[in-house]
Amino acid sequence: MSDELVKVARAGKAYTRGKQKVSIFEGLDMRIEKGAFLAIMGPSGSGKTTLLNMLGGVDRPTSGEILFQGKRVDNLSESALAAFRAGHVGFIFQFYNLMPMLTAQQNVELPLLLTRLSKKQRRDRAAAALEIVGLSDRAKHKPAELSGGQQQRVAIARAIVSDPELILADEPTGDLDRETANEVLTVLQELNRLHGKTIVMVTHDAEAARYAKKTLHLDKGVFVEKGLNS
């Protein structure tokens, strides 16, 4: 049985701007093993976020294939792709994307509203996710009543509440001070080590990348492996 969770095969991505075709990748290959914690670094405009969006089924390659657990996902219909994202992928962003009028508990429950879970099941799942990120005592607080680090931990709880195999984090500590960033990165590290979550994190921060098991450098559409982190 393969330990490969995601495979990117000969993927190309290009945009058209006016009459000009702008190529981001050409023939990009990548394998992500189950249980990996991968940091992706690279200069602005190198395609890091575009790659993350393709891994999560938010964007499609213009050529090549993306496989999840051995099955292609890049050629799914929009509805099937939405179901794939909801069932298998958790997203974490730099600016949290929390709903300001909802409590932490309600924000975490949001991804479950489209499922067939009962209200109690949704509530129990959200409570368990908040406990994992150490915020059980803040469940009834709204985002404005939480620090930046606490808001990001609520966002992490929301990303894991559906129990996805893959967590994609785009500059998750970019808006945080060093100490708070390290606390959030420790939560991600524990999700990887204790809960077996596969994590791919895009970051500009070399200190943040040290929390991952491996760092890859993306430049001009090509990966350069930097090796295992200590």
C-alpha atoms as a PDB file:
ATOM      1  CA  MET A   1       0.000   0.000   0.000  1.00  0.00           C
ATOM      2  CA  SER A   2       1.434   3.362  -1.021  1.00  0.00           C
ATOM      3  CA  ASP A   3       2.210   6.033   1.566  1.00  0.00           C
ATOM      4  CA  GLU A   4       1.744   8.684  -1.106  1.00  0.00           C
ATOM      5  CA  LEU A   5      -1.082  11.085  -0.360  1.00  0.00           C
ATOM      6  CA  VAL A   6      -0.709  13.602  -3.197  1.00  0.00           C
ATOM      7  CA  LYS A   7       1.101  13.409  -6.513  1.00  0.00           C
ATOM      8  CA  VAL A   8       1.623  16.280  -8.922  1.00  0.00           C
ATOM      9  CA  ALA A   9       2.598  14.931 -12.339  1.00  0.00           C
ATOM     10  CA  ARG A  10       3.966  17.148 -15.139  1.00  0.00           C
ATOM     11  CA  ALA A  11       1.748  19.997 -13.987  1.00  0.00           C
ATOM     12  CA  GLY A  12       1.714  23.229 -15.934  1.00  0.00           C
ATOM     13  CA  LYS A  13      -0.015  26.449 -14.997  1.00  0.00           C
ATOM     14  CA  ALA A  14      -0.302  29.520 -17.197  1.00  0.00           C
ATOM     15  CA  TYR A  15      -2.406  32.671 -17.195  1.00  0.00           C
ATOM     16  CA  THR A  16      -3.348  34.929 -20.061  1.00  0.00           C
ATOM     17  CA  ARG A  17      -2.934  38.655 -19.486  1.00  0.00           C
ATOM     18  CA  GLY A  18      -4.233  40.506 -22.497  1.00  0.00           C
ATOM     19  CA  LYS A  19      -2.349  38.978 -25.404  1.00  0.00           C
ATOM     20  CA  GLN A  20       0.475  37.735 -23.208  1.00  0.00           C
ATOM     21  CA  LYS A  21       0.705  34.204 -21.792  1.00  0.00           C
ATOM     22  CA  VAL A  22       2.376  34.061 -18.386  1.00  0.00           C
ATOM     23  CA  SER A  23       3.695  30.638 -17.373  1.00  0.00           C
ATOM     24  CA  ILE A  24       3.958  29.814 -13.643  1.00  0.00           C
ATOM     25  CA  PHE A  25       4.958  26.148 -13.928  1.00  0.00           C
ATOM     26  CA  GLU A  26       5.923  23.805 -16.722  1.00  0.00           C
ATOM     27  CA  GLY A  27       6.162  20.073 -16.055  1.00  0.00           C
ATOM     28  CA  LEU A  28       6.204  20.361 -12.256  1.00  0.00           C
ATOM     29  CA  ASP A  29       6.465  17.063 -10.355  1.00  0.00           C
ATOM     30  CA  MET A  30       5.857  16.604  -6.627  1.00  0.00           C
ATOM     31  CA  ARG A  31       5.061  13.797  -4.204  1.00  0.00           C
ATOM     32  CA  ILE A  32       3.637  14.336  -0.732  1.00  0.00           C
ATOM     33  CA  GLU A  33       3.797  11.373   1.619  1.00  0.00           C
ATOM     34  CA  LYS A  34       1.179  10.702   4.285  1.00  0.00           C
ATOM     35  CA  GLY A  35       2.323  12.281   7.546  1.00  0.00           C
ATOM     36  CA  ALA A  36       4.639  14.798   5.873  1.00  0.00           C
ATOM     37  CA  PHE A  37       5.073  18.326   7.231  1.00  0.00           C
ATOM     38  CA  LEU A  38       6.421  20.249   4.282  1.00  0.00           C
ATOM     39  CA  ALA A  39       7.450  23.908   4.153  1.00  0.00           C
ATOM     40  CA  ILE A  40       7.563  25.591   0.753  1.00  0.00           C
ATOM     41  CA  MET A  41       9.696  28.694   0.428  1.00  0.00           C
ATOM     42  CA  GLY A  42      10.584  30.893  -2.513  1.00  0.00           C
ATOM     43  CA  PRO A  43      10.546  34.472  -3.782  1.00  0.00           C
ATOM     44  CA  SER A  44       7.322  36.388  -4.309  1.00  0.00           C
ATOM     45  CA  GLY A  45       5.731  35.447  -7.609  1.00  0.00           C
ATOM     46  CA  SER A  46       7.346  32.001  -7.696  1.00  0.00           C
ATOM     47  CA  GLY A  47       3.940  30.320  -7.629  1.00  0.00           C
ATOM     48  CA  LYS A  48       3.800  29.072  -4.036  1.00  0.00           C
ATOM     49  CA  THR A  49       0.177  30.070  -3.405  1.00  0.00           C
ATOM     50  CA  THR A  50      -0.851  28.917  -6.886  1.00  0.00           C
ATOM     51  CA  LEU A  51       0.629  25.494  -6.121  1.00  0.00           C
ATOM     52  CA  LEU A  52      -1.156  25.359  -2.768  1.00  0.00           C
ATOM     53  CA  ASN A  53      -4.456  26.197  -4.479  1.00  0.00           C
ATOM     54  CA  MET A  54      -3.900  23.437  -7.021  1.00  0.00           C
ATOM     55  CA  LEU A  55      -3.121  20.907  -4.273  1.00  0.00           C
ATOM     56  CA  GLY A  56      -6.369  21.844  -2.541  1.00  0.00           C
ATOM     57  CA  GLY A  57      -8.571  21.768  -5.616  1.00  0.00           C
ATOM     58  CA  VAL A  58      -9.194  25.525  -5.560  1.00  0.00           C
ATOM     59  CA  ASP A  59      -7.341  25.979  -8.847  1.00  0.00           C
ATOM     60  CA  ARG A  60      -6.669  23.570 -11.712  1.00  0.00           C
ATOM     61  CA  PRO A  61      -3.463  23.027 -13.668  1.00  0.00           C
ATOM     62  CA  THR A  62      -3.587  23.925 -17.348  1.00  0.00           C
ATOM     63  CA  SER A  63      -1.714  20.707 -18.102  1.00  0.00           C
ATOM     64  CA  GLY A  64      -0.625  17.578 -16.251  1.00  0.00           C
ATOM     65  CA  GLU A  65      -2.356  15.784 -13.398  1.00  0.00           C
ATOM     66  CA  ILE A  66      -2.965  16.047  -9.667  1.00  0.00           C
ATOM     67  CA  LEU A  67      -3.761  12.824  -7.847  1.00  0.00           C
ATOM     68  CA  PHE A  68      -5.054  12.393  -4.301  1.00  0.00           C
ATOM     69  CA  GLN A  69      -4.754   8.895  -2.833  1.00  0.00           C
ATOM     70  CA  GLY A  70      -4.119   7.626  -6.346  1.00  0.00           C
ATOM     71  CA  LYS A  71      -7.170   9.222  -7.969  1.00  0.00           C
ATOM     72  CA  ARG A  72      -7.157  12.270 -10.238  1.00  0.00           C
ATOM     73  CA  VAL A  73      -8.841  15.340  -8.795  1.00  0.00           C
ATOM     74  CA  ASP A  74      -7.903  18.014 -11.344  1.00  0.00           C
ATOM     75  CA  ASN A  75     -10.493  16.755 -13.836  1.00  0.00           C
ATOM     76  CA  LEU A  76     -13.439  16.535 -11.415  1.00  0.00           C
ATOM     77  CA  SER A  77     -16.609  18.549 -11.942  1.00  0.00           C
ATOM     78  CA  GLU A  78     -17.003  21.707  -9.847  1.00  0.00           C
ATOM     79  CA  SER A  79     -19.462  19.979  -7.490  1.00  0.00           C
ATOM     80  CA  ALA A  80     -17.231  16.917  -7.100  1.00  0.00           C
ATOM     81  CA  LEU A  81     -14.228  19.178  -6.520  1.00  0.00           C
ATOM     82  CA  ALA A  82     -16.141  21.074  -3.811  1.00  0.00           C
ATOM     83  CA  ALA A  83     -16.996  17.759  -2.142  1.00  0.00           C
ATOM     84  CA  PHE A  84     -13.332  16.720  -2.340  1.00  0.00           C
ATOM     85  CA  ARG A  85     -12.226  19.949  -0.648  1.00  0.00           C
ATOM     86  CA  ALA A  86     -14.874  19.662   2.061  1.00  0.00           C
ATOM     87  CA  GLY A  87     -14.016  16.064   2.874  1.00  0.00           C
ATOM     88  CA  HIS A  88     -10.254  15.899   2.544  1.00  0.00           C
ATOM     89  CA  VAL A  89      -8.604  19.340   2.778  1.00  0.00           C
ATOM     90  CA  GLY A  90      -8.325  21.943   5.549  1.00  0.00           C
ATOM     91  CA  PHE A  91      -7.194  25.479   4.677  1.00  0.00           C
ATOM     92  CA  ILE A  92      -5.383  27.961   6.959  1.00  0.00           C
ATOM     93  CA  PHE A  93      -4.754  31.520   5.757  1.00  0.00           C
ATOM     94  CA  GLN A  94      -2.603  34.446   6.904  1.00  0.00           C
ATOM     95  CA  PHE A  95      -5.566  36.615   7.900  1.00  0.00           C
ATOM     96  CA  TYR A  96      -7.716  33.978   9.677  1.00  0.00           C
ATOM     97  CA  ASN A  97     -10.922  34.685   7.650  1.00  0.00           C
ATOM     98  CA  LEU A  98     -13.141  34.372  10.721  1.00  0.00           C
ATOM     99  CA  MET A  99     -16.720  35.652  10.758  1.00  0.00           C
ATOM    100  CA  PRO A 100     -16.701  38.597  13.226  1.00  0.00           C
ATOM    101  CA  MET A 101     -20.308  38.134  14.393  1.00  0.00           C
ATOM    102  CA  LEU A 102     -19.837  34.460  15.285  1.00  0.00           C
ATOM    103  CA  THR A 103     -18.224  32.939  18.372  1.00  0.00           C
ATOM    104  CA  ALA A 104     -15.114  30.779  18.140  1.00  0.00           C
ATOM    105  CA  GLN A 105     -17.316  27.699  18.448  1.00  0.00           C
ATOM    106  CA  GLN A 106     -19.621  28.865  15.648  1.00  0.00           C
ATOM    107  CA  ASN A 107     -16.697  29.766  13.382  1.00  0.00           C
ATOM    108  CA  VAL A 108     -15.236  26.294  13.826  1.00  0.00           C
ATOM    109  CA  GLU A 109     -18.617  24.707  13.069  1.00  0.00           C
ATOM    110  CA  LEU A 110     -18.961  26.500   9.714  1.00  0.00           C
ATOM    111  CA  PRO A 111     -17.453  23.744   7.508  1.00  0.00           C
ATOM    112  CA  LEU A 112     -19.857  21.237   9.065  1.00  0.00           C
ATOM    113  CA  LEU A 113     -23.033  23.131   8.147  1.00  0.00           C
ATOM    114  CA  LEU A 114     -23.132  21.488   4.714  1.00  0.00           C
ATOM    115  CA  THR A 115     -22.828  17.983   6.173  1.00  0.00           C
ATOM    116  CA  ARG A 116     -25.547  15.697   7.478  1.00  0.00           C
ATOM    117  CA  LEU A 117     -24.285  15.918  11.040  1.00  0.00           C
ATOM    118  CA  SER A 118     -26.811  16.835  13.722  1.00  0.00           C
ATOM    119  CA  LYS A 119     -26.505  20.078  15.657  1.00  0.00           C
ATOM    120  CA  LYS A 120     -25.113  18.183  18.657  1.00  0.00           C
ATOM    121  CA  GLN A 121     -22.596  16.323  16.495  1.00  0.00           C
ATOM    122  CA  ARG A 122     -21.420  19.601  14.954  1.00  0.00           C
ATOM    123  CA  ARG A 123     -21.113  21.156  18.395  1.00  0.00           C
ATOM    124  CA  ASP A 124     -19.178  18.172  19.756  1.00  0.00           C
ATOM    125  CA  ARG A 125     -16.805  18.142  16.767  1.00  0.00           C
ATOM    126  CA  ALA A 126     -16.138  21.873  17.118  1.00  0.00           C
ATOM    127  CA  ALA A 127     -15.524  21.508  20.866  1.00  0.00           C
ATOM    128  CA  ALA A 128     -13.030  18.702  20.226  1.00  0.00           C
ATOM    129  CA  ALA A 129     -11.190  20.778  17.609  1.00  0.00           C
ATOM    130  CA  LEU A 130     -10.982  23.764  19.960  1.00  0.00           C
ATOM    131  CA  GLU A 131      -9.632  21.491  22.680  1.00  0.00           C
ATOM    132  CA  ILE A 132      -6.886  20.230  20.358  1.00  0.00           C
ATOM    133  CA  VAL A 133      -5.698  23.813  19.738  1.00  0.00           C
ATOM    134  CA  GLY A 134      -5.995  24.710  23.432  1.00  0.00           C
ATOM    135  CA  LEU A 135      -8.932  27.112  23.201  1.00  0.00           C
ATOM    136  CA  SER A 136     -11.780  25.331  24.990  1.00  0.00           C
ATOM    137  CA  ASP A 137     -12.047  28.252  27.411  1.00  0.00           C
ATOM    138  CA  ARG A 138     -12.540  30.721  24.535  1.00  0.00           C
ATOM    139  CA  ALA A 139     -15.356  28.889  22.738  1.00  0.00           C
ATOM    140  CA  LYS A 140     -17.936  31.625  23.393  1.00  0.00           C
ATOM    141  CA  HIS A 141     -15.653  34.536  22.522  1.00  0.00           C
ATOM    142  CA  LYS A 142     -15.972  36.416  19.243  1.00  0.00           C
ATOM    143  CA  PRO A 143     -12.865  37.184  17.135  1.00  0.00           C
ATOM    144  CA  ALA A 144     -12.614  40.787  18.402  1.00  0.00           C
ATOM    145  CA  GLU A 145     -12.261  39.394  21.936  1.00  0.00           C
ATOM    146  CA  LEU A 146      -9.324  37.170  20.950  1.00  0.00           C
ATOM    147  CA  SER A 147      -5.647  37.899  20.308  1.00  0.00           C
ATOM    148  CA  GLY A 148      -4.170  37.356  16.835  1.00  0.00           C
ATOM    149  CA  GLY A 149      -2.637  34.066  17.895  1.00  0.00           C
ATOM    150  CA  GLN A 150      -5.918  32.878  19.389  1.00  0.00           C
ATOM    151  CA  GLN A 151      -7.768  33.839  16.209  1.00  0.00           C
ATOM    152  CA  GLN A 152      -5.307  31.815  14.143  1.00  0.00           C
ATOM    153  CA  ARG A 153      -5.768  28.837  16.465  1.00  0.00           C
ATOM    154  CA  VAL A 154      -9.541  29.125  15.945  1.00  0.00           C
ATOM    155  CA  ALA A 155      -8.810  29.093  12.204  1.00  0.00           C
ATOM    156  CA  ILE A 156      -6.704  25.951  12.662  1.00  0.00           C
ATOM    157  CA  ALA A 157      -9.538  24.329  14.628  1.00  0.00           C
ATOM    158  CA  ARG A 158     -11.894  25.185  11.769  1.00  0.00           C
ATOM    159  CA  ALA A 159      -9.434  23.613   9.301  1.00  0.00           C
ATOM    160  CA  ILE A 160      -9.302  20.308  11.222  1.00  0.00           C
ATOM    161  CA  VAL A 161     -12.943  20.013  12.332  1.00  0.00           C
ATOM    162  CA  SER A 162     -13.844  17.857   9.312  1.00  0.00           C
ATOM    163  CA  ASP A 163     -10.856  15.588  10.064  1.00  0.00           C
ATOM    164  CA  PRO A 164      -9.128  16.186   6.691  1.00  0.00           C
ATOM    165  CA  GLU A 165      -6.082  14.179   5.648  1.00  0.00           C
ATOM    166  CA  LEU A 166      -4.356  17.254   4.179  1.00  0.00           C
ATOM    167  CA  ILE A 167      -3.885  20.690   5.759  1.00  0.00           C
ATOM    168  CA  LEU A 168      -2.737  23.555   3.531  1.00  0.00           C
ATOM    169  CA  ALA A 169      -1.397  26.636   5.300  1.00  0.00           C
ATOM    170  CA  ASP A 170      -0.619  29.841   3.367  1.00  0.00           C
ATOM    171  CA  GLU A 171       1.682  32.111   5.420  1.00  0.00           C
ATOM    172  CA  PRO A 172      -0.138  31.077   8.639  1.00  0.00           C
ATOM    173  CA  THR A 173       2.149  33.185  10.851  1.00  0.00           C
ATOM    174  CA  GLY A 174       2.674  36.138   8.497  1.00  0.00           C
ATOM    175  CA  ASP A 175       0.546  38.462  10.635  1.00  0.00           C
ATOM    176  CA  LEU A 176       1.916  37.381  14.019  1.00  0.00           C
ATOM    177  CA  ASP A 177       4.846  38.378  16.232  1.00  0.00           C
ATOM    178  CA  ARG A 178       7.637  35.836  16.741  1.00  0.00           C
ATOM    179  CA  GLU A 179       6.483  34.435  20.081  1.00  0.00           C
ATOM    180  CA  THR A 180       2.856  34.070  18.966  1.00  0.00           C
ATOM    181  CA  ALA A 181       3.973  32.621  15.635  1.00  0.00           C
ATOM    182  CA  ASN A 182       5.988  29.957  17.444  1.00  0.00           C
ATOM    183  CA  GLU A 183       2.930  29.020  19.524  1.00  0.00           C
ATOM    184  CA  VAL A 184       0.840  28.582  16.362  1.00  0.00           C
ATOM    185  CA  LEU A 185       3.608  26.604  14.648  1.00  0.00           C
ATOM    186  CA  THR A 186       3.837  24.332  17.684  1.00  0.00           C
ATOM    187  CA  VAL A 187       0.117  23.593  17.287  1.00  0.00           C
ATOM    188  CA  LEU A 188       0.726  22.653  13.636  1.00  0.00           C
ATOM    189  CA  GLN A 189       3.678  20.494  14.665  1.00  0.00           C
ATOM    190  CA  GLU A 190       1.517  18.659  17.213  1.00  0.00           C
ATOM    191  CA  LEU A 191      -1.228  18.119  14.615  1.00  0.00           C
ATOM    192  CA  ASN A 192       1.403  16.487  12.433  1.00  0.00           C
ATOM    193  CA  ARG A 193       3.148  14.428  15.123  1.00  0.00           C
ATOM    194  CA  LEU A 194       0.271  13.483  17.422  1.00  0.00           C
ATOM    195  CA  HIS A 195      -2.685  13.415  15.025  1.00  0.00           C
ATOM    196  CA  GLY A 196      -0.958  12.286  11.828  1.00  0.00           C
ATOM    197  CA  LYS A 197      -2.044  15.253   9.732  1.00  0.00           C
ATOM    198  CA  THR A 198      -0.204  15.856   6.479  1.00  0.00           C
ATOM    199  CA  ILE A 199       0.681  19.560   6.291  1.00  0.00           C
ATOM    200  CA  VAL A 200       1.969  21.715   3.447  1.00  0.00           C
ATOM    201  CA  MET A 201       2.875  25.229   4.566  1.00  0.00           C
ATOM    202  CA  VAL A 202       3.884  28.146   2.363  1.00  0.00           C
ATOM    203  CA  THR A 203       6.050  30.645   4.226  1.00  0.00           C
ATOM    204  CA  HIS A 204       8.587  33.440   3.689  1.00  0.00           C
ATOM    205  CA  ASP A 205       9.867  32.867   7.232  1.00  0.00           C
ATOM    206  CA  ALA A 206      12.914  30.612   7.605  1.00  0.00           C
ATOM    207  CA  GLU A 207      12.205  30.308  11.349  1.00  0.00           C
ATOM    208  CA  ALA A 208       8.707  29.029  10.601  1.00  0.00           C
ATOM    209  CA  ALA A 209      10.079  26.541   8.080  1.00  0.00           C
ATOM    210  CA  ARG A 210      12.223  24.986  10.821  1.00  0.00           C
ATOM    211  CA  TYR A 211       9.066  23.558  12.395  1.00  0.00           C
ATOM    212  CA  ALA A 212       8.462  21.434   9.280  1.00  0.00           C
ATOM    213  CA  LYS A 213      10.123  18.085   8.648  1.00  0.00           C
ATOM    214  CA  LYS A 214      11.320  19.123   5.202  1.00  0.00           C
ATOM    215  CA  THR A 215      11.742  22.400   3.336  1.00  0.00           C
ATOM    216  CA  LEU A 216      11.455  22.813  -0.422  1.00  0.00           C
ATOM    217  CA  HIS A 217      12.438  25.911  -2.340  1.00  0.00           C
ATOM    218  CA  LEU A 218      10.316  26.889  -5.328  1.00  0.00           C
ATOM    219  CA  ASP A 219      11.878  29.210  -7.865  1.00  0.00           C
ATOM    220  CA  LYS A 220      10.883  29.798 -11.497  1.00  0.00           C
ATOM    221  CA  GLY A 221       8.536  26.809 -11.407  1.00  0.00           C
ATOM    222  CA  VAL A 222      11.151  24.323 -10.219  1.00  0.00           C
ATOM    223  CA  PHE A 223      11.641  22.684  -6.816  1.00  0.00           C
ATOM    224  CA  VAL A 224      15.018  22.651  -5.106  1.00  0.00           C
ATOM    225  CA  GLU A 225      15.084  20.389  -2.063  1.00  0.00           C
ATOM    226  CA  LYS A 226      16.843  21.928   0.909  1.00  0.00           C
ATOM    227  CA  GLY A 227      16.818  18.733   2.942  1.00  0.00           C
ATOM    228  CA  LEU A 228      15.359  17.556   6.215  1.00  0.00           C
ATOM    229  CA  ASN A 229      15.019  20.047   9.030  1.00  0.00           C
ATOM    230  CA  SER A 230      16.595  19.380  12.385  1.00  0.00           C
END
